[in-house]
N, C-alpha and C. Protein backbone atom coordinates (compact mmCIF):
# COMPACT_ATOMS: atom_id res chain seq x y z
N MET A 1 16.38 -18.03 -31.94
CA MET A 1 15.09 -18.62 -32.19
C MET A 1 14.05 -17.51 -32.30
N ASP A 2 13.18 -17.56 -33.28
CA ASP A 2 12.15 -16.56 -33.51
C ASP A 2 11.11 -16.61 -32.39
N SER A 3 10.60 -15.45 -31.98
CA SER A 3 9.63 -15.35 -30.90
C SER A 3 8.37 -16.16 -31.16
N VAL A 4 7.96 -16.27 -32.43
CA VAL A 4 6.75 -16.99 -32.74
C VAL A 4 6.85 -18.45 -32.30
N LEU A 5 8.03 -19.01 -32.31
CA LEU A 5 8.21 -20.40 -31.93
C LEU A 5 8.23 -20.58 -30.42
N GLN A 6 8.36 -19.50 -29.67
CA GLN A 6 8.45 -19.60 -28.23
C GLN A 6 7.09 -19.46 -27.53
N ARG A 7 6.06 -19.18 -28.27
CA ARG A 7 4.73 -19.01 -27.69
C ARG A 7 3.92 -20.30 -27.90
N SER A 8 3.25 -20.71 -26.85
CA SER A 8 2.39 -21.89 -26.97
C SER A 8 1.17 -21.55 -27.82
N THR A 9 0.49 -22.58 -28.27
CA THR A 9 -0.73 -22.37 -29.04
C THR A 9 -1.74 -21.60 -28.21
N PHE A 10 -1.85 -21.93 -26.94
CA PHE A 10 -2.76 -21.22 -26.05
C PHE A 10 -2.41 -19.73 -25.98
N GLN A 11 -1.13 -19.41 -25.83
CA GLN A 11 -0.70 -18.01 -25.78
C GLN A 11 -1.00 -17.29 -27.09
N GLN A 12 -0.78 -17.97 -28.19
CA GLN A 12 -1.05 -17.34 -29.49
C GLN A 12 -2.54 -17.07 -29.68
N ILE A 13 -3.39 -18.04 -29.34
CA ILE A 13 -4.83 -17.84 -29.47
C ILE A 13 -5.32 -16.77 -28.51
N THR A 14 -4.84 -16.81 -27.28
CA THR A 14 -5.20 -15.79 -26.29
C THR A 14 -4.75 -14.41 -26.77
N GLY A 15 -3.56 -14.34 -27.31
CA GLY A 15 -3.06 -13.07 -27.84
C GLY A 15 -3.93 -12.54 -28.96
N LEU A 16 -4.33 -13.41 -29.87
CA LEU A 16 -5.20 -13.00 -30.98
C LEU A 16 -6.52 -12.45 -30.45
N ILE A 17 -7.11 -13.15 -29.51
CA ILE A 17 -8.37 -12.68 -28.92
C ILE A 17 -8.18 -11.33 -28.23
N LEU A 18 -7.08 -11.17 -27.52
CA LEU A 18 -6.82 -9.89 -26.83
C LEU A 18 -6.60 -8.75 -27.81
N TRP A 19 -5.83 -8.97 -28.86
CA TRP A 19 -5.59 -7.90 -29.83
C TRP A 19 -6.88 -7.49 -30.53
N ILE A 20 -7.68 -8.45 -30.94
CA ILE A 20 -8.96 -8.11 -31.57
C ILE A 20 -9.87 -7.46 -30.53
N GLY A 21 -9.84 -7.96 -29.31
CA GLY A 21 -10.65 -7.39 -28.24
C GLY A 21 -10.30 -5.93 -27.95
N ILE A 22 -9.02 -5.60 -27.98
CA ILE A 22 -8.60 -4.21 -27.79
C ILE A 22 -9.19 -3.33 -28.89
N CYS A 23 -9.17 -3.82 -30.11
CA CYS A 23 -9.75 -3.07 -31.22
C CYS A 23 -11.26 -2.93 -31.07
N TYR A 24 -11.93 -4.00 -30.67
CA TYR A 24 -13.38 -3.95 -30.48
C TYR A 24 -13.75 -3.04 -29.31
N PHE A 25 -12.89 -2.95 -28.31
CA PHE A 25 -13.15 -2.01 -27.21
C PHE A 25 -13.16 -0.58 -27.74
N THR A 26 -12.24 -0.27 -28.63
CA THR A 26 -12.22 1.05 -29.27
C THR A 26 -13.52 1.26 -30.04
N ALA A 27 -13.96 0.25 -30.76
CA ALA A 27 -15.22 0.34 -31.49
C ALA A 27 -16.38 0.60 -30.53
N TRP A 28 -16.39 -0.08 -29.40
CA TRP A 28 -17.45 0.09 -28.41
C TRP A 28 -17.49 1.52 -27.88
N THR A 29 -16.31 2.11 -27.61
CA THR A 29 -16.30 3.48 -27.10
C THR A 29 -16.89 4.44 -28.13
N GLY A 30 -16.60 4.22 -29.40
CA GLY A 30 -17.17 5.06 -30.44
C GLY A 30 -18.66 4.83 -30.61
N ALA A 31 -19.10 3.60 -30.43
CA ALA A 31 -20.52 3.28 -30.59
C ALA A 31 -21.38 3.95 -29.53
N GLN A 32 -20.79 4.35 -28.43
CA GLN A 32 -21.55 5.00 -27.37
C GLN A 32 -22.07 6.38 -27.79
N VAL A 33 -21.47 6.96 -28.82
CA VAL A 33 -21.89 8.29 -29.29
C VAL A 33 -22.23 8.29 -30.77
N SER A 34 -22.50 7.15 -31.34
CA SER A 34 -22.78 7.05 -32.78
C SER A 34 -24.22 7.43 -33.09
N PRO A 35 -24.53 7.65 -34.38
CA PRO A 35 -25.90 8.01 -34.76
C PRO A 35 -26.93 7.04 -34.19
N GLY A 36 -28.02 7.61 -33.72
CA GLY A 36 -29.08 6.80 -33.12
C GLY A 36 -28.94 6.67 -31.63
N ILE A 37 -27.80 7.07 -31.08
CA ILE A 37 -27.57 7.02 -29.64
C ILE A 37 -27.36 8.46 -29.17
N ALA A 38 -28.14 8.89 -28.20
CA ALA A 38 -28.02 10.27 -27.71
C ALA A 38 -26.58 10.53 -27.28
N PRO A 39 -26.00 11.68 -27.56
CA PRO A 39 -26.61 12.88 -28.17
C PRO A 39 -26.32 13.01 -29.66
N ALA A 40 -26.19 11.93 -30.38
CA ALA A 40 -25.75 11.99 -31.77
C ALA A 40 -26.89 12.07 -32.79
N GLU A 41 -28.12 12.27 -32.36
CA GLU A 41 -29.21 12.38 -33.33
C GLU A 41 -29.02 13.56 -34.28
N TRP A 42 -28.25 14.54 -33.85
CA TRP A 42 -27.99 15.72 -34.68
C TRP A 42 -27.38 15.35 -36.03
N TYR A 43 -26.70 14.19 -36.10
CA TYR A 43 -26.07 13.76 -37.35
C TYR A 43 -27.09 13.67 -38.49
N GLU A 44 -28.30 13.26 -38.16
CA GLU A 44 -29.34 13.15 -39.18
C GLU A 44 -29.74 14.52 -39.73
N THR A 45 -29.50 15.58 -38.96
CA THR A 45 -29.94 16.91 -39.36
C THR A 45 -28.87 17.73 -40.07
N ILE A 46 -27.62 17.31 -40.02
CA ILE A 46 -26.57 18.10 -40.66
C ILE A 46 -26.52 17.82 -42.16
N ASN A 47 -25.96 18.75 -42.91
CA ASN A 47 -25.81 18.58 -44.35
C ASN A 47 -24.71 17.58 -44.65
N LYS A 48 -25.02 16.64 -45.54
CA LYS A 48 -24.05 15.63 -45.97
C LYS A 48 -24.12 15.53 -47.49
N PRO A 49 -23.00 15.15 -48.12
CA PRO A 49 -23.02 15.01 -49.58
C PRO A 49 -23.85 13.81 -50.01
N ASP A 50 -24.25 13.82 -51.26
CA ASP A 50 -25.05 12.71 -51.81
C ASP A 50 -24.32 11.38 -51.74
N TRP A 51 -23.00 11.43 -51.76
CA TRP A 51 -22.20 10.21 -51.75
C TRP A 51 -21.89 9.72 -50.33
N ASN A 52 -22.54 10.29 -49.34
CA ASN A 52 -22.39 9.81 -47.96
C ASN A 52 -22.93 8.38 -47.89
N PRO A 53 -22.14 7.43 -47.38
CA PRO A 53 -22.61 6.04 -47.34
C PRO A 53 -23.86 5.89 -46.47
N PRO A 54 -24.68 4.90 -46.77
CA PRO A 54 -25.86 4.66 -45.93
C PRO A 54 -25.42 4.19 -44.54
N GLY A 55 -26.21 4.53 -43.55
CA GLY A 55 -25.86 4.20 -42.17
C GLY A 55 -25.61 2.73 -41.90
N TRP A 56 -26.35 1.85 -42.58
CA TRP A 56 -26.21 0.42 -42.33
C TRP A 56 -24.83 -0.11 -42.73
N LEU A 57 -24.10 0.62 -43.57
CA LEU A 57 -22.81 0.15 -44.06
C LEU A 57 -21.69 0.27 -43.02
N PHE A 58 -21.81 1.23 -42.12
CA PHE A 58 -20.71 1.51 -41.20
C PHE A 58 -20.41 0.36 -40.24
N GLY A 59 -21.44 -0.28 -39.70
CA GLY A 59 -21.22 -1.39 -38.77
C GLY A 59 -20.42 -2.54 -39.37
N PRO A 60 -20.85 -3.08 -40.52
CA PRO A 60 -20.08 -4.17 -41.13
C PRO A 60 -18.67 -3.76 -41.54
N VAL A 61 -18.53 -2.55 -42.11
CA VAL A 61 -17.19 -2.11 -42.54
C VAL A 61 -16.27 -2.00 -41.34
N TRP A 62 -16.73 -1.32 -40.28
CA TRP A 62 -15.86 -1.15 -39.12
C TRP A 62 -15.58 -2.47 -38.41
N THR A 63 -16.54 -3.38 -38.39
CA THR A 63 -16.28 -4.70 -37.79
C THR A 63 -15.14 -5.40 -38.53
N LEU A 64 -15.20 -5.37 -39.85
CA LEU A 64 -14.13 -5.96 -40.65
C LEU A 64 -12.80 -5.25 -40.39
N LEU A 65 -12.81 -3.91 -40.40
CA LEU A 65 -11.56 -3.16 -40.22
C LEU A 65 -10.94 -3.40 -38.86
N TYR A 66 -11.76 -3.39 -37.80
CA TYR A 66 -11.21 -3.64 -36.46
C TYR A 66 -10.66 -5.06 -36.35
N THR A 67 -11.31 -6.01 -37.01
CA THR A 67 -10.80 -7.38 -36.99
C THR A 67 -9.46 -7.47 -37.71
N LEU A 68 -9.37 -6.87 -38.89
CA LEU A 68 -8.11 -6.87 -39.63
C LEU A 68 -7.00 -6.17 -38.86
N MET A 69 -7.33 -5.05 -38.21
CA MET A 69 -6.33 -4.33 -37.41
C MET A 69 -5.82 -5.21 -36.27
N GLY A 70 -6.74 -5.89 -35.60
CA GLY A 70 -6.35 -6.76 -34.49
C GLY A 70 -5.46 -7.89 -34.95
N ILE A 71 -5.80 -8.48 -36.10
CA ILE A 71 -4.97 -9.57 -36.65
C ILE A 71 -3.60 -9.04 -37.04
N ALA A 72 -3.56 -7.83 -37.62
CA ALA A 72 -2.27 -7.23 -38.01
C ALA A 72 -1.38 -7.01 -36.79
N ALA A 73 -1.95 -6.41 -35.74
CA ALA A 73 -1.16 -6.15 -34.52
C ALA A 73 -0.73 -7.47 -33.89
N TRP A 74 -1.62 -8.45 -33.87
CA TRP A 74 -1.28 -9.76 -33.32
C TRP A 74 -0.13 -10.40 -34.10
N THR A 75 -0.17 -10.25 -35.42
CA THR A 75 0.90 -10.81 -36.26
C THR A 75 2.25 -10.22 -35.87
N ILE A 76 2.28 -8.92 -35.67
CA ILE A 76 3.54 -8.26 -35.26
C ILE A 76 3.94 -8.73 -33.87
N TRP A 77 3.01 -8.71 -32.92
CA TRP A 77 3.31 -9.12 -31.55
C TRP A 77 3.76 -10.59 -31.50
N ARG A 78 3.06 -11.43 -32.24
CA ARG A 78 3.35 -12.87 -32.25
C ARG A 78 4.76 -13.14 -32.75
N LYS A 79 5.16 -12.41 -33.78
CA LYS A 79 6.45 -12.66 -34.39
C LYS A 79 7.60 -11.96 -33.67
N PHE A 80 7.33 -10.75 -33.16
CA PHE A 80 8.42 -9.92 -32.61
C PHE A 80 8.27 -9.56 -31.14
N GLY A 81 7.09 -9.71 -30.58
CA GLY A 81 6.88 -9.29 -29.20
C GLY A 81 6.93 -7.76 -29.09
N PHE A 82 6.74 -7.28 -27.88
CA PHE A 82 6.76 -5.83 -27.68
C PHE A 82 8.17 -5.25 -27.80
N ASP A 83 9.15 -5.97 -27.29
CA ASP A 83 10.52 -5.44 -27.28
C ASP A 83 11.08 -5.22 -28.67
N ARG A 84 10.83 -6.14 -29.59
CA ARG A 84 11.41 -6.03 -30.93
C ARG A 84 10.50 -5.31 -31.92
N ALA A 85 9.34 -4.86 -31.44
CA ALA A 85 8.41 -4.12 -32.32
C ALA A 85 7.82 -2.92 -31.58
N LYS A 86 8.63 -2.32 -30.72
CA LYS A 86 8.14 -1.23 -29.87
C LYS A 86 7.55 -0.08 -30.68
N ALA A 87 8.24 0.39 -31.70
CA ALA A 87 7.75 1.54 -32.49
C ALA A 87 6.44 1.18 -33.20
N ALA A 88 6.41 0.02 -33.83
CA ALA A 88 5.21 -0.38 -34.58
C ALA A 88 4.00 -0.51 -33.67
N LEU A 89 4.17 -1.17 -32.53
CA LEU A 89 3.04 -1.37 -31.63
C LEU A 89 2.67 -0.10 -30.88
N THR A 90 3.65 0.76 -30.61
CA THR A 90 3.35 2.06 -30.00
C THR A 90 2.49 2.89 -30.94
N PHE A 91 2.86 2.96 -32.21
CA PHE A 91 2.06 3.70 -33.17
C PHE A 91 0.70 3.05 -33.37
N PHE A 92 0.64 1.74 -33.26
CA PHE A 92 -0.66 1.07 -33.35
C PHE A 92 -1.58 1.58 -32.25
N PHE A 93 -1.07 1.67 -31.03
CA PHE A 93 -1.89 2.17 -29.92
C PHE A 93 -2.23 3.65 -30.09
N ILE A 94 -1.30 4.44 -30.60
CA ILE A 94 -1.57 5.86 -30.85
C ILE A 94 -2.72 6.01 -31.84
N GLN A 95 -2.65 5.28 -32.96
CA GLN A 95 -3.72 5.41 -33.95
C GLN A 95 -5.04 4.88 -33.39
N LEU A 96 -4.98 3.86 -32.54
CA LEU A 96 -6.20 3.31 -31.96
C LEU A 96 -6.86 4.34 -31.02
N ILE A 97 -6.05 5.04 -30.24
CA ILE A 97 -6.57 6.10 -29.37
C ILE A 97 -7.19 7.21 -30.21
N LEU A 98 -6.49 7.61 -31.26
CA LEU A 98 -7.03 8.65 -32.14
C LEU A 98 -8.32 8.18 -32.83
N ASN A 99 -8.39 6.91 -33.16
CA ASN A 99 -9.58 6.34 -33.77
C ASN A 99 -10.78 6.50 -32.83
N GLY A 100 -10.61 6.11 -31.59
CA GLY A 100 -11.70 6.23 -30.62
C GLY A 100 -12.05 7.67 -30.31
N LEU A 101 -11.05 8.52 -30.31
CA LEU A 101 -11.26 9.94 -30.01
C LEU A 101 -12.09 10.63 -31.09
N TRP A 102 -11.94 10.22 -32.34
CA TRP A 102 -12.68 10.88 -33.42
C TRP A 102 -14.19 10.84 -33.16
N SER A 103 -14.73 9.69 -32.81
CA SER A 103 -16.17 9.58 -32.56
C SER A 103 -16.60 10.50 -31.43
N GLN A 104 -15.77 10.59 -30.41
CA GLN A 104 -16.10 11.46 -29.27
C GLN A 104 -16.16 12.93 -29.71
N ILE A 105 -15.23 13.33 -30.57
CA ILE A 105 -15.19 14.71 -31.04
C ILE A 105 -16.33 14.98 -32.02
N PHE A 106 -16.49 14.11 -33.02
CA PHE A 106 -17.49 14.34 -34.06
C PHE A 106 -18.91 14.16 -33.53
N PHE A 107 -19.22 13.00 -32.99
CA PHE A 107 -20.58 12.72 -32.54
C PHE A 107 -20.85 13.24 -31.13
N GLY A 108 -19.92 12.99 -30.21
CA GLY A 108 -20.14 13.37 -28.82
C GLY A 108 -20.13 14.88 -28.62
N ALA A 109 -19.06 15.54 -29.08
CA ALA A 109 -18.93 17.00 -28.90
C ALA A 109 -19.56 17.77 -30.06
N GLN A 110 -19.90 17.09 -31.14
CA GLN A 110 -20.49 17.70 -32.33
C GLN A 110 -19.61 18.81 -32.89
N GLU A 111 -18.31 18.56 -32.86
CA GLU A 111 -17.31 19.52 -33.35
C GLU A 111 -16.76 19.01 -34.69
N ILE A 112 -17.46 19.32 -35.76
CA ILE A 112 -17.10 18.80 -37.08
C ILE A 112 -15.71 19.26 -37.51
N GLY A 113 -15.38 20.53 -37.28
CA GLY A 113 -14.08 21.07 -37.67
C GLY A 113 -12.93 20.42 -36.92
N TRP A 114 -13.09 20.29 -35.59
CA TRP A 114 -12.05 19.64 -34.79
C TRP A 114 -11.92 18.17 -35.17
N ALA A 115 -13.04 17.54 -35.49
CA ALA A 115 -13.00 16.13 -35.92
C ALA A 115 -12.23 16.00 -37.23
N PHE A 116 -12.40 16.98 -38.13
CA PHE A 116 -11.65 16.94 -39.39
C PHE A 116 -10.15 17.05 -39.13
N PHE A 117 -9.76 17.96 -38.26
CA PHE A 117 -8.35 18.10 -37.90
C PHE A 117 -7.83 16.80 -37.27
N GLU A 118 -8.63 16.22 -36.39
CA GLU A 118 -8.23 14.99 -35.69
C GLU A 118 -8.12 13.81 -36.64
N ILE A 119 -9.03 13.72 -37.62
CA ILE A 119 -8.97 12.57 -38.54
C ILE A 119 -7.73 12.66 -39.45
N ILE A 120 -7.26 13.88 -39.70
CA ILE A 120 -6.01 14.02 -40.46
C ILE A 120 -4.85 13.45 -39.64
N LEU A 121 -4.84 13.73 -38.34
CA LEU A 121 -3.81 13.14 -37.46
C LEU A 121 -3.96 11.62 -37.41
N LEU A 122 -5.20 11.16 -37.33
CA LEU A 122 -5.46 9.72 -37.32
C LEU A 122 -4.93 9.07 -38.59
N LEU A 123 -5.23 9.64 -39.73
CA LEU A 123 -4.76 9.07 -41.00
C LEU A 123 -3.23 9.02 -41.04
N ALA A 124 -2.58 10.08 -40.59
CA ALA A 124 -1.11 10.09 -40.54
C ALA A 124 -0.60 8.98 -39.63
N ALA A 125 -1.23 8.79 -38.48
CA ALA A 125 -0.80 7.74 -37.54
C ALA A 125 -1.02 6.35 -38.15
N ILE A 126 -2.11 6.17 -38.88
CA ILE A 126 -2.37 4.88 -39.53
C ILE A 126 -1.32 4.60 -40.60
N ILE A 127 -0.98 5.62 -41.38
CA ILE A 127 0.02 5.45 -42.43
C ILE A 127 1.37 5.09 -41.81
N ILE A 128 1.76 5.76 -40.74
CA ILE A 128 3.02 5.45 -40.06
C ILE A 128 2.99 4.03 -39.51
N THR A 129 1.88 3.68 -38.86
CA THR A 129 1.74 2.32 -38.30
C THR A 129 1.87 1.28 -39.41
N THR A 130 1.20 1.51 -40.52
CA THR A 130 1.23 0.56 -41.63
C THR A 130 2.64 0.44 -42.19
N PHE A 131 3.32 1.55 -42.35
CA PHE A 131 4.71 1.54 -42.82
C PHE A 131 5.58 0.70 -41.87
N LEU A 132 5.43 0.92 -40.56
CA LEU A 132 6.21 0.17 -39.58
C LEU A 132 5.83 -1.31 -39.58
N PHE A 133 4.55 -1.60 -39.80
CA PHE A 133 4.13 -3.00 -39.89
C PHE A 133 4.74 -3.65 -41.13
N PHE A 134 4.73 -2.96 -42.26
CA PHE A 134 5.33 -3.51 -43.48
C PHE A 134 6.82 -3.81 -43.27
N GLN A 135 7.50 -2.98 -42.49
CA GLN A 135 8.93 -3.23 -42.23
C GLN A 135 9.13 -4.54 -41.46
N LYS A 136 8.15 -4.91 -40.67
CA LYS A 136 8.25 -6.14 -39.87
C LYS A 136 7.63 -7.35 -40.57
N SER A 137 6.49 -7.12 -41.25
CA SER A 137 5.74 -8.22 -41.83
C SER A 137 4.84 -7.70 -42.94
N ALA A 138 5.08 -8.13 -44.16
CA ALA A 138 4.25 -7.70 -45.28
C ALA A 138 2.77 -8.07 -45.08
N PRO A 139 2.45 -9.29 -44.63
CA PRO A 139 1.03 -9.60 -44.40
C PRO A 139 0.38 -8.64 -43.39
N ALA A 140 1.08 -8.31 -42.32
CA ALA A 140 0.52 -7.37 -41.33
C ALA A 140 0.30 -6.00 -41.96
N GLY A 141 1.23 -5.56 -42.78
CA GLY A 141 1.07 -4.29 -43.47
C GLY A 141 -0.13 -4.30 -44.40
N TRP A 142 -0.27 -5.36 -45.17
CA TRP A 142 -1.40 -5.45 -46.10
C TRP A 142 -2.74 -5.48 -45.37
N LEU A 143 -2.77 -6.07 -44.18
CA LEU A 143 -4.02 -6.10 -43.40
C LEU A 143 -4.47 -4.70 -42.99
N MET A 144 -3.55 -3.75 -42.97
CA MET A 144 -3.87 -2.37 -42.59
C MET A 144 -4.32 -1.52 -43.79
N VAL A 145 -4.07 -1.96 -45.00
CA VAL A 145 -4.37 -1.15 -46.19
C VAL A 145 -5.87 -0.83 -46.32
N PRO A 146 -6.78 -1.78 -46.10
CA PRO A 146 -8.21 -1.40 -46.19
C PRO A 146 -8.58 -0.29 -45.19
N TYR A 147 -7.96 -0.30 -44.04
CA TYR A 147 -8.18 0.73 -43.02
C TYR A 147 -7.71 2.09 -43.52
N ILE A 148 -6.53 2.13 -44.15
CA ILE A 148 -6.04 3.39 -44.74
C ILE A 148 -7.04 3.89 -45.79
N LEU A 149 -7.51 2.99 -46.65
CA LEU A 149 -8.43 3.40 -47.71
C LEU A 149 -9.74 3.95 -47.14
N TRP A 150 -10.29 3.27 -46.14
CA TRP A 150 -11.56 3.71 -45.55
C TRP A 150 -11.39 5.05 -44.83
N VAL A 151 -10.32 5.19 -44.06
CA VAL A 151 -10.11 6.44 -43.33
C VAL A 151 -9.74 7.57 -44.29
N SER A 152 -9.09 7.27 -45.40
CA SER A 152 -8.86 8.30 -46.42
C SER A 152 -10.19 8.80 -46.96
N PHE A 153 -11.08 7.88 -47.28
CA PHE A 153 -12.42 8.26 -47.73
C PHE A 153 -13.14 9.05 -46.65
N ALA A 154 -13.06 8.59 -45.40
CA ALA A 154 -13.73 9.26 -44.29
C ALA A 154 -13.17 10.67 -44.07
N THR A 155 -11.88 10.85 -44.32
CA THR A 155 -11.26 12.17 -44.18
C THR A 155 -11.86 13.14 -45.19
N VAL A 156 -11.98 12.70 -46.44
CA VAL A 156 -12.60 13.54 -47.47
C VAL A 156 -14.07 13.82 -47.11
N LEU A 157 -14.78 12.79 -46.66
CA LEU A 157 -16.18 12.95 -46.26
C LEU A 157 -16.30 13.94 -45.11
N ASN A 158 -15.47 13.78 -44.07
CA ASN A 158 -15.49 14.68 -42.91
C ASN A 158 -15.22 16.13 -43.34
N GLY A 159 -14.23 16.31 -44.21
CA GLY A 159 -13.92 17.65 -44.70
C GLY A 159 -15.07 18.25 -45.49
N THR A 160 -15.73 17.42 -46.30
CA THR A 160 -16.87 17.88 -47.09
C THR A 160 -18.03 18.28 -46.18
N ILE A 161 -18.30 17.46 -45.17
CA ILE A 161 -19.38 17.77 -44.22
C ILE A 161 -19.06 19.07 -43.48
N TRP A 162 -17.81 19.24 -43.08
CA TRP A 162 -17.41 20.48 -42.41
C TRP A 162 -17.65 21.68 -43.32
N TRP A 163 -17.27 21.55 -44.58
CA TRP A 163 -17.42 22.64 -45.53
C TRP A 163 -18.91 22.95 -45.77
N MET A 164 -19.74 21.90 -45.82
CA MET A 164 -21.17 22.07 -46.09
C MET A 164 -21.93 22.67 -44.91
N ASN A 165 -21.36 22.55 -43.73
CA ASN A 165 -22.07 23.02 -42.53
C ASN A 165 -21.40 24.26 -41.99
């Protein structure tokens, strides 16, 4: 019998809330050092390319991405549980830790070069996670694709900012 059939509706809804909540917690840790919150005011003073997105765009984009990530992880957990999806969910947590760490390095420590190195590791972890999710569930894998696209763009942006400064 498939694991999805063994979970009650309450467990499934609670699981969805927890998975999204874990992702939003990561967002919250990054928001503690984001532009406009001390000590990240320096971001306004560094050189950025003309194609740097406006500040107002980051909140909505990341809210959507964290929600999609949470739904993707929940889909894997719901269908396979931790035991049958250990690699996929382990890499999910690895990329989530790296995601939260980037803001601390870039905004908190103001280490643009180290943040660029870290975001490359983050992108690799996201790609591995997405690959493992696709092996378990195509919908879960597709839910991660916008995240890969955004972090790919962010990697190029981070590298450009590092080069400009």
